[in-house]
Amino acid sequence: MLQFVNVKSYLFGITALTGYVTNYSTALPVLVFFEFVIATIGTAATSAWIAAGLAVQKVYLRHYRLINIILAVTLLECVYSILK
């Protein structure tokens, strides 16, 4: 349901259609077909992102203190490299 309000999905669809599909065909059935293909790919990618997030969450809940320390040190290194 969130895919319908996701602006990135619309931009991805428009970019994919205008960049790749309309170079070969501008017929409405072809455009609708490829838009369904793009929506299916977007839904699969979102589902994979959710599954990866759930897997990472289990690890994070067990080791949150160590992970936070590592992320903080990495952030400090990035700040240092920007400021030097």
Protein backbone atom coordinates (compact mmCIF):
# COMPACT_ATOMS: atom_id res chain seq x y z
CA MET A 1 0.00 0.00 0.00
CA LEU A 2 2.87 2.38 0.74
CA GLN A 3 4.14 2.04 -2.82
CA PHE A 4 1.21 4.21 -3.97
CA VAL A 5 2.38 7.19 -1.91
CA ASN A 6 6.11 6.65 -2.48
CA VAL A 7 7.40 9.46 -4.70
CA LYS A 8 10.57 7.49 -5.49
CA SER A 9 8.42 4.80 -7.10
CA TYR A 10 6.84 7.34 -9.42
CA LEU A 11 10.20 8.86 -10.32
CA PHE A 12 11.68 5.40 -10.93
CA GLY A 13 8.74 4.47 -13.16
CA ILE A 14 8.87 7.69 -15.16
CA THR A 15 12.64 7.47 -15.56
CA ALA A 16 12.54 3.83 -16.63
CA LEU A 17 9.74 4.42 -19.11
CA THR A 18 11.20 7.55 -20.68
CA GLY A 19 14.79 6.33 -20.61
CA TYR A 20 14.32 2.81 -21.92
CA VAL A 21 10.83 1.88 -23.09
CA THR A 22 9.69 4.93 -25.08
CA ASN A 23 12.79 4.68 -27.28
CA TYR A 24 11.32 1.49 -28.74
CA SER A 25 7.57 1.91 -28.45
CA THR A 26 5.02 4.53 -27.43
CA ALA A 27 1.94 2.32 -27.75
CA LEU A 28 -0.25 2.50 -24.66
CA PRO A 29 -0.49 -1.30 -24.10
CA VAL A 30 3.31 -1.59 -24.17
CA LEU A 31 3.70 1.29 -21.71
CA VAL A 32 1.08 -0.16 -19.35
CA PHE A 33 2.72 -3.60 -19.52
CA PHE A 34 6.14 -2.23 -18.66
CA GLU A 35 4.71 -0.08 -15.89
CA PHE A 36 3.28 -3.26 -14.33
CA VAL A 37 6.71 -4.88 -14.71
CA ILE A 38 8.32 -1.87 -13.01
CA ALA A 39 5.74 -1.97 -10.19
CA THR A 40 6.40 -5.69 -9.69
CA ILE A 41 10.14 -5.11 -9.51
CA GLY A 42 9.57 -2.27 -7.02
CA THR A 43 7.37 -4.45 -4.83
CA ALA A 44 9.93 -7.27 -4.88
CA ALA A 45 12.72 -4.85 -3.99
CA THR A 46 10.69 -3.40 -1.11
CA SER A 47 9.92 -6.90 0.17
CA ALA A 48 13.60 -7.82 0.03
CA TRP A 49 14.47 -4.61 1.89
CA ILE A 50 11.93 -5.48 4.61
CA ALA A 51 13.28 -9.04 4.92
CA ALA A 52 16.86 -7.76 5.20
CA GLY A 53 15.76 -5.24 7.81
CA LEU A 54 14.12 -7.94 9.90
CA ALA A 55 17.26 -10.10 9.71
CA VAL A 56 19.49 -7.17 10.69
CA GLN A 57 17.10 -6.23 13.50
CA LYS A 58 17.58 -9.62 15.17
CA VAL A 59 21.36 -9.19 15.14
CA TYR A 60 21.09 -5.57 16.23
CA LEU A 61 18.91 -6.37 19.23
CA ARG A 62 21.51 -8.87 20.45
CA HIS A 63 24.57 -6.67 19.88
CA TYR A 64 23.19 -3.12 19.88
CA ARG A 65 25.86 -1.62 22.14
CA LEU A 66 28.78 -2.92 20.05
CA ILE A 67 27.08 -1.95 16.79
CA ASN A 68 26.37 1.56 18.08
CA ILE A 69 30.00 1.98 19.14
CA ILE A 70 31.24 0.84 15.72
CA LEU A 71 28.82 3.19 13.94
CA ALA A 72 29.82 6.10 16.20
CA VAL A 73 33.53 5.53 15.53
CA THR A 74 32.82 5.33 11.80
CA LEU A 75 30.85 8.58 11.96
CA LEU A 76 33.68 10.28 13.84
CA GLU A 77 36.17 9.09 11.22
CA CYS A 78 33.95 10.57 8.48
CA VAL A 79 33.74 13.90 10.31
CA TYR A 80 37.50 13.89 10.82
CA SER A 81 38.16 13.19 7.14
CA ILE A 82 35.81 16.02 6.11
CA LEU A 83 37.36 18.55 8.47
CA LYS A 84 41.04 17.82 7.87
